[in-house]
Amino acid sequence: MQKLYNENNVIRADEFQSFDSNRFNGFNSYVSREWEMFCETDLRYDGFLNASKGTEIRRVLDIGCGAGQEMLPFVKNGAFGIGLDYVPETGQVGIQKYADEGLQDRVAFLRGSGDLLPLSDGSMDVVVCRGVLMFLNNDRALSEFSRVIRKGGLLFIMFQAPAYYWWKFRKGIVTGNILSSIHAVRVLYAGNIFRFTGHQPRGRLTAGGEVFETRNYITDTCKKNGLEKISEMPDTNKQTPFLIFAKS
């Protein structure tokens, strides 16, 4: 049987038994707060469970996981969760949070990129990708998501639409955060090139390859990869749509 992941990249609980949560800073502080925000409301938690009723879920993958809170509803229901992120701090907060829940044996974290997944074909029942697609090679990432989802499995994907970057541009102007506005303009520029040419540009005028996505692009590309849109999450909105797809 082919392994689910490269064991050399896996981060497990026993590596972080002495990790001091009081020393969180930077990325760790940010993802700690995201975990807290997720747990403060039932909206998304219940949204995941309601959308997956009737689907057997044994393995869930969270791409761009941060602390891995998006896996929590499934892990609490008996699934094994794999959190994947690219940063050196991957797993530090997540392991501690799941240990606090008594679920440290039900999760693993690994470093990697969402557009080159170290996982077997059809090995995941659920894939969650929230707010990270804009940094990836979009076409390759969506193909990879589909590849690792088994037939009948689900993809939950939240992305940042043009409306988000226009909001960020206006907010930067109003608050005097000009750098934020410049970043938004760069993403809008690169996103439109991507939208009309299919090429994600990386140059001095772009934001490191970051682009926006549109609903049509996501639904059309997912469909090409055997993923049919079935619903949307309850906290979906114009700026950050949160769509649900099933693997046919």
Protein backbone atom coordinates (compact mmCIF):
# COMPACT_ATOMS: atom_id res chain seq x y z
CA MET A 1 0.00 0.00 0.00
CA GLN A 2 1.38 3.39 -0.98
CA LYS A 3 2.05 5.71 1.95
CA LEU A 4 -0.24 8.66 2.50
CA TYR A 5 2.59 11.10 3.07
CA ASN A 6 6.34 11.44 3.23
CA GLU A 7 7.21 10.51 6.82
CA ASN A 8 10.34 12.67 6.73
CA ASN A 9 8.15 15.78 6.61
CA VAL A 10 5.61 14.74 9.23
CA ILE A 11 5.46 16.60 12.54
CA ARG A 12 3.82 14.71 15.39
CA ALA A 13 2.91 15.43 18.97
CA ASP A 14 5.96 13.87 20.61
CA GLU A 15 8.20 16.43 18.90
CA PHE A 16 6.44 19.29 20.67
CA GLN A 17 5.75 18.02 24.17
CA SER A 18 7.81 20.83 25.71
CA PHE A 19 6.60 23.56 23.36
CA ASP A 20 5.75 26.70 25.33
CA SER A 21 2.56 28.28 23.98
CA ASN A 22 3.36 31.49 25.87
CA ARG A 23 6.24 32.11 23.46
CA PHE A 24 4.03 32.33 20.36
CA ASN A 25 4.86 35.33 18.21
CA GLY A 26 4.53 36.33 14.58
CA PHE A 27 2.99 33.51 12.55
CA ASN A 28 2.20 31.44 15.63
CA SER A 29 0.34 34.29 17.31
CA TYR A 30 -1.67 34.85 14.15
CA VAL A 31 -2.75 31.23 13.74
CA SER A 32 -3.47 30.92 17.46
CA ARG A 33 -5.97 33.74 17.12
CA GLU A 34 -7.48 32.09 14.03
CA TRP A 35 -8.05 28.91 16.06
CA GLU A 36 -9.75 30.94 18.79
CA MET A 37 -11.97 32.75 16.29
CA PHE A 38 -13.01 29.44 14.73
CA CYS A 39 -13.96 28.03 18.12
CA GLU A 40 -15.85 31.17 19.16
CA THR A 41 -18.65 30.56 16.65
CA ASP A 42 -20.49 27.46 15.48
CA LEU A 43 -21.17 28.88 12.01
CA ARG A 44 -18.29 27.29 10.11
CA TYR A 45 -17.97 24.30 12.44
CA ASP A 46 -21.60 23.35 11.83
CA GLY A 47 -21.27 24.26 8.16
CA PHE A 48 -18.60 21.62 7.63
CA LEU A 49 -20.64 18.95 9.42
CA ASN A 50 -23.91 19.80 7.70
CA ALA A 51 -22.31 19.80 4.25
CA SER A 52 -20.67 16.41 4.83
CA LYS A 53 -23.67 14.53 6.23
CA GLY A 54 -23.91 11.12 4.65
CA THR A 55 -20.25 11.13 3.58
CA GLU A 56 -17.89 8.70 5.29
CA ILE A 57 -14.90 10.76 6.42
CA ARG A 58 -11.80 8.91 7.58
CA ARG A 59 -9.10 11.28 6.36
CA VAL A 60 -9.14 15.05 5.95
CA LEU A 61 -6.46 17.32 4.52
CA ASP A 62 -6.20 21.03 5.40
CA ILE A 63 -4.06 22.92 2.86
CA GLY A 64 -2.49 26.12 4.17
CA CYS A 65 -3.60 24.85 7.54
CA GLY A 66 -2.17 27.37 10.00
CA ALA A 67 -3.21 25.81 13.32
CA GLY A 68 -5.43 23.27 11.54
CA GLN A 69 -8.71 24.39 13.06
CA GLU A 70 -10.65 23.66 9.86
CA MET A 71 -10.00 19.94 10.45
CA LEU A 72 -11.35 20.03 13.99
CA PRO A 73 -15.01 19.15 13.29
CA PHE A 74 -13.97 16.09 11.28
CA VAL A 75 -11.25 14.98 13.70
CA LYS A 76 -13.65 15.22 16.63
CA ASN A 77 -15.97 12.93 14.66
CA GLY A 78 -13.25 10.29 14.31
CA ALA A 79 -11.32 11.28 11.17
CA PHE A 80 -7.55 11.50 10.94
CA GLY A 81 -6.41 15.02 10.01
CA ILE A 82 -3.35 16.05 8.03
CA GLY A 83 -2.43 19.73 8.12
CA LEU A 84 -0.13 21.01 5.40
CA ASP A 85 1.59 24.40 5.34
CA TYR A 86 4.75 25.85 3.83
CA VAL A 87 6.15 27.83 6.76
CA PRO A 88 8.91 26.60 9.13
CA GLU A 89 6.50 26.94 12.07
CA THR A 90 4.12 24.36 10.60
CA GLY A 91 2.55 22.22 13.32
CA GLN A 92 3.85 24.12 16.33
CA VAL A 93 0.53 25.66 17.33
CA GLY A 94 -1.63 22.93 15.82
CA ILE A 95 -0.04 20.10 17.80
CA GLN A 96 -0.52 22.02 21.04
CA LYS A 97 -4.14 22.90 20.25
CA TYR A 98 -5.06 19.33 19.38
CA ALA A 99 -3.22 18.09 22.49
CA ASP A 100 -5.40 20.44 24.55
CA GLU A 101 -8.42 18.69 22.99
CA GLY A 102 -6.96 15.24 23.71
CA LEU A 103 -6.74 14.59 19.97
CA GLN A 104 -3.00 14.73 19.35
CA ASP A 105 -2.96 11.14 18.10
CA ARG A 106 -5.56 11.97 15.45
CA VAL A 107 -3.51 14.57 13.55
CA ALA A 108 -0.19 15.03 11.79
CA PHE A 109 1.34 18.14 10.25
CA LEU A 110 3.74 18.34 7.33
CA ARG A 111 5.49 21.01 5.35
CA GLY A 112 4.75 21.25 1.66
CA SER A 113 3.01 23.14 -1.09
CA GLY A 114 -0.63 22.78 -2.08
CA ASP A 115 0.25 22.59 -5.76
CA LEU A 116 2.52 19.55 -5.25
CA LEU A 117 0.88 17.32 -2.66
CA PRO A 118 2.91 14.42 -1.18
CA LEU A 119 -0.18 12.21 -0.99
CA SER A 120 -1.56 9.20 -2.82
CA ASP A 121 -4.29 9.41 -5.45
CA GLY A 122 -7.76 9.20 -3.90
CA SER A 123 -6.39 9.05 -0.35
CA MET A 124 -8.51 11.89 1.12
CA ASP A 125 -12.21 11.99 1.90
CA VAL A 126 -12.18 15.76 2.47
CA VAL A 127 -9.82 18.52 1.37
CA VAL A 128 -10.10 22.02 2.84
CA CYS A 129 -8.27 24.97 1.28
CA ARG A 130 -9.02 28.31 2.87
CA GLY A 131 -7.42 31.56 1.75
CA VAL A 132 -4.20 30.14 0.30
CA LEU A 133 -4.98 29.37 -3.34
CA MET A 134 -3.98 32.88 -4.45
CA PHE A 135 -0.34 32.07 -3.57
CA LEU A 136 -0.25 28.77 -5.48
CA ASN A 137 -0.06 27.77 -9.11
CA ASN A 138 -3.83 27.78 -9.43
CA ASP A 139 -4.32 25.32 -12.29
CA ARG A 140 -1.86 22.82 -10.84
CA ALA A 141 -3.23 23.19 -7.31
CA LEU A 142 -6.83 22.51 -8.30
CA SER A 143 -5.69 19.49 -10.28
CA GLU A 144 -3.77 18.25 -7.22
CA PHE A 145 -6.77 18.78 -4.93
CA SER A 146 -8.90 16.64 -7.21
CA ARG A 147 -6.21 13.99 -7.56
CA VAL A 148 -6.01 13.25 -3.84
CA ILE A 149 -9.79 13.29 -3.23
CA ARG A 150 -11.48 9.92 -3.59
CA LYS A 151 -14.66 9.51 -5.61
CA GLY A 152 -17.56 10.92 -3.60
CA GLY A 153 -15.21 13.01 -1.45
CA LEU A 154 -15.53 16.73 -0.85
CA LEU A 155 -13.53 19.89 -1.49
CA PHE A 156 -14.15 22.99 0.62
CA ILE A 157 -12.41 25.98 -0.95
CA MET A 158 -12.39 29.64 0.06
CA PHE A 159 -10.66 32.13 -2.22
CA GLN A 160 -10.17 35.88 -2.47
CA ALA A 161 -12.17 37.46 -5.27
CA PRO A 162 -11.45 40.84 -6.94
CA ALA A 163 -13.89 42.49 -4.52
CA TYR A 164 -11.55 41.66 -1.63
CA TYR A 165 -8.59 43.43 -3.20
CA TRP A 166 -10.68 46.46 -4.18
CA TRP A 167 -11.81 46.64 -0.55
CA LYS A 168 -8.19 46.36 0.58
CA PHE A 169 -7.16 49.14 -1.83
CA ARG A 170 -9.85 51.52 -0.57
CA LYS A 171 -9.17 50.71 3.07
CA GLY A 172 -5.46 51.39 2.59
CA ILE A 173 -6.23 54.80 1.11
CA VAL A 174 -8.66 55.72 3.91
CA THR A 175 -6.36 54.57 6.72
CA GLY A 176 -3.16 55.88 5.15
CA ASN A 177 -1.71 52.39 4.71
CA ILE A 178 -0.37 53.05 1.23
CA LEU A 179 1.70 49.87 1.11
CA SER A 180 -1.48 47.83 1.58
CA SER A 181 -3.11 49.69 -1.30
CA ILE A 182 -0.07 49.14 -3.50
CA HIS A 183 -0.17 45.41 -2.71
CA ALA A 184 -3.83 45.29 -3.70
CA VAL A 185 -3.10 47.03 -7.01
CA ARG A 186 -0.31 44.57 -7.76
CA VAL A 187 -2.59 41.60 -7.14
CA LEU A 188 -5.38 43.12 -9.26
CA TYR A 189 -2.87 43.72 -12.05
CA ALA A 190 -1.50 40.16 -11.89
CA GLY A 191 -4.95 38.69 -11.44
CA ASN A 192 -6.26 40.30 -14.60
CA ILE A 193 -3.29 39.04 -16.58
CA PHE A 194 -4.00 35.57 -15.22
CA ARG A 195 -7.71 35.94 -15.93
CA PHE A 196 -7.25 36.84 -19.60
CA THR A 197 -4.09 34.88 -20.49
CA GLY A 198 -4.08 31.93 -18.11
CA HIS A 199 -0.53 32.86 -17.04
CA GLN A 200 0.34 33.82 -13.45
CA PRO A 201 2.96 36.54 -13.83
CA ARG A 202 5.89 36.94 -11.46
CA GLY A 203 7.73 40.22 -11.85
CA ARG A 204 8.51 43.56 -10.24
CA LEU A 205 4.97 44.86 -10.73
CA THR A 206 3.33 41.80 -9.18
CA ALA A 207 3.02 40.53 -5.61
CA GLY A 208 5.15 37.41 -5.90
CA GLY A 209 2.69 35.56 -8.10
CA GLU A 210 -0.35 36.26 -5.90
CA VAL A 211 -3.56 36.53 -7.94
CA PHE A 212 -7.27 36.78 -7.34
CA GLU A 213 -9.75 34.11 -8.43
CA THR A 214 -13.28 34.43 -9.78
CA ARG A 215 -16.23 32.13 -9.18
CA ASN A 216 -16.33 31.20 -12.85
CA TYR A 217 -12.65 30.27 -12.89
CA ILE A 218 -12.97 28.11 -9.77
CA THR A 219 -16.14 26.31 -10.85
CA ASP A 220 -14.98 25.80 -14.45
CA THR A 221 -11.51 24.55 -13.49
CA CYS A 222 -12.88 22.28 -10.78
CA LYS A 223 -15.37 20.84 -13.27
CA LYS A 224 -12.53 20.06 -15.69
CA ASN A 225 -10.94 18.12 -12.84
CA GLY A 226 -14.05 16.11 -11.98
CA LEU A 227 -15.32 18.31 -9.16
CA GLU A 228 -18.93 19.50 -9.27
CA LYS A 229 -20.13 22.41 -7.18
CA ILE A 230 -22.85 21.28 -4.77
CA SER A 231 -23.24 24.11 -2.26
CA GLU A 232 -21.62 27.00 -0.38
CA MET A 233 -20.56 27.46 3.22
CA PRO A 234 -22.77 29.65 5.45
CA ASP A 235 -20.07 32.33 5.79
CA THR A 236 -19.47 32.68 2.06
CA ASN A 237 -19.52 36.28 0.79
CA LYS A 238 -18.68 38.45 -2.22
CA GLN A 239 -15.12 39.14 -1.13
CA THR A 240 -14.21 35.61 -0.01
CA PRO A 241 -16.52 33.00 -1.57
CA PHE A 242 -16.45 29.63 0.20
CA LEU A 243 -17.62 26.89 -2.18
CA ILE A 244 -18.20 23.16 -1.76
CA PHE A 245 -17.46 20.59 -4.48
CA ALA A 246 -17.95 16.83 -4.74
CA LYS A 247 -15.65 14.46 -6.67
CA SER A 248 -17.57 12.64 -9.38
